[in-house]
């Protein structure tokens, strides 16, 4: 991979890391996760449709967080590769 692409991946990783350090974003992830879990716990036995919707929302939230974390990891790998080029 060329140096320009590595620098781009490293920059994306640094921006993703900044997102994960962002207090408001972390608060939002925590708040939504708590709300989804509460809705699941409070759902009625026969309310399978609502539980399924809440489960899908929780999975989507987890996927967003996981994607940001993978961009951070990719940036760290790119940084390491750049250091190896020097």
Protein backbone atom coordinates (compact mmCIF):
# COMPACT_ATOMS: atom_id res chain seq x y z
CA UNK A 1 0.00 0.00 0.00
CA UNK A 2 1.33 3.44 -0.83
CA UNK A 3 2.21 6.06 1.75
CA UNK A 4 -0.71 8.32 0.85
CA UNK A 5 -3.28 5.58 1.49
CA UNK A 6 -1.58 4.66 4.75
CA UNK A 7 -1.67 8.28 5.90
CA UNK A 8 -5.35 8.49 4.97
CA UNK A 9 -6.14 5.35 6.99
CA UNK A 10 -4.08 6.66 9.91
CA UNK A 11 -5.96 9.97 9.82
CA UNK A 12 -9.33 8.19 9.75
CA UNK A 13 -8.20 6.11 12.71
CA UNK A 14 -7.25 9.20 14.68
CA UNK A 15 -10.61 10.83 13.93
CA UNK A 16 -12.42 7.64 14.95
CA UNK A 17 -10.41 7.54 18.19
CA UNK A 18 -11.43 11.14 18.85
CA UNK A 19 -15.07 10.09 18.41
CA UNK A 20 -14.65 7.33 20.96
CA UNK A 21 -13.12 9.83 23.40
CA UNK A 22 -16.01 12.24 22.83
CA UNK A 23 -18.00 12.43 26.04
CA UNK A 24 -21.30 13.26 24.33
CA UNK A 25 -21.02 10.36 21.90
CA UNK A 26 -20.16 7.94 24.71
CA UNK A 27 -23.07 9.29 26.75
CA UNK A 28 -25.34 8.76 23.74
CA UNK A 29 -24.20 5.16 23.26
CA UNK A 30 -24.72 4.42 26.96
CA UNK A 31 -28.08 6.14 27.11
CA UNK A 32 -29.43 4.34 24.05
CA UNK A 33 -28.12 0.99 25.21
CA UNK A 34 -29.78 1.50 28.62
CA UNK A 35 -33.06 2.54 26.97
CA UNK A 36 -33.08 -0.49 24.65
CA UNK A 37 -32.34 -2.90 27.49
CA UNK A 38 -34.99 -1.29 29.68
CA UNK A 39 -37.56 -1.57 26.87
CA UNK A 40 -36.66 -5.24 26.43
CA UNK A 41 -36.98 -5.95 30.16
CA UNK A 42 -40.29 -4.15 30.44
CA UNK A 43 -41.84 -5.81 27.39
CA UNK A 44 -44.73 -8.16 27.91
CA UNK A 45 -44.41 -11.90 27.39
CA UNK A 46 -46.55 -11.78 24.24
CA UNK A 47 -44.83 -8.68 22.84
CA UNK A 48 -42.35 -10.54 20.66
CA UNK A 49 -42.55 -7.96 17.86
CA UNK A 50 -41.43 -5.14 20.16
CA UNK A 51 -38.66 -7.27 21.69
CA UNK A 52 -37.40 -8.13 18.20
CA UNK A 53 -37.38 -4.44 17.23
CA UNK A 54 -35.48 -3.51 20.39
CA UNK A 55 -33.01 -6.34 19.76
CA UNK A 56 -32.39 -5.06 16.24
CA UNK A 57 -31.84 -1.53 17.55
CA UNK A 58 -29.34 -2.80 20.10
CA UNK A 59 -27.54 -4.81 17.41
CA UNK A 60 -27.36 -1.74 15.17
CA UNK A 61 -25.95 0.37 17.99
CA UNK A 62 -23.34 -2.31 18.69
CA UNK A 63 -22.47 -2.44 14.98
CA UNK A 64 -21.92 1.33 14.83
CA UNK A 65 -19.63 1.25 17.86
CA UNK A 66 -17.81 -1.78 16.44
CA UNK A 67 -17.25 -0.08 13.11
CA UNK A 68 -15.74 2.99 14.77
CA UNK A 69 -13.48 0.73 16.84
CA UNK A 70 -12.38 -1.15 13.71
CA UNK A 71 -11.46 2.14 12.01
CA UNK A 72 -9.31 2.97 15.06
CA UNK A 73 -7.58 -0.40 14.79
CA UNK A 74 -7.05 0.04 11.06
CA UNK A 75 -5.49 3.45 11.73
CA UNK A 76 -3.10 1.96 14.26
CA UNK A 77 -2.06 -0.70 11.75
CA UNK A 78 -1.53 1.98 9.10
CA UNK A 79 0.56 4.03 11.53
CA UNK A 80 2.70 1.00 12.30
CA UNK A 81 3.13 0.32 8.59
CA UNK A 82 4.15 3.93 7.98
CA UNK A 83 6.74 3.72 10.74
CA UNK A 84 8.07 0.58 9.07
CA UNK A 85 8.57 2.51 5.83
CA UNK A 86 10.92 4.98 7.49
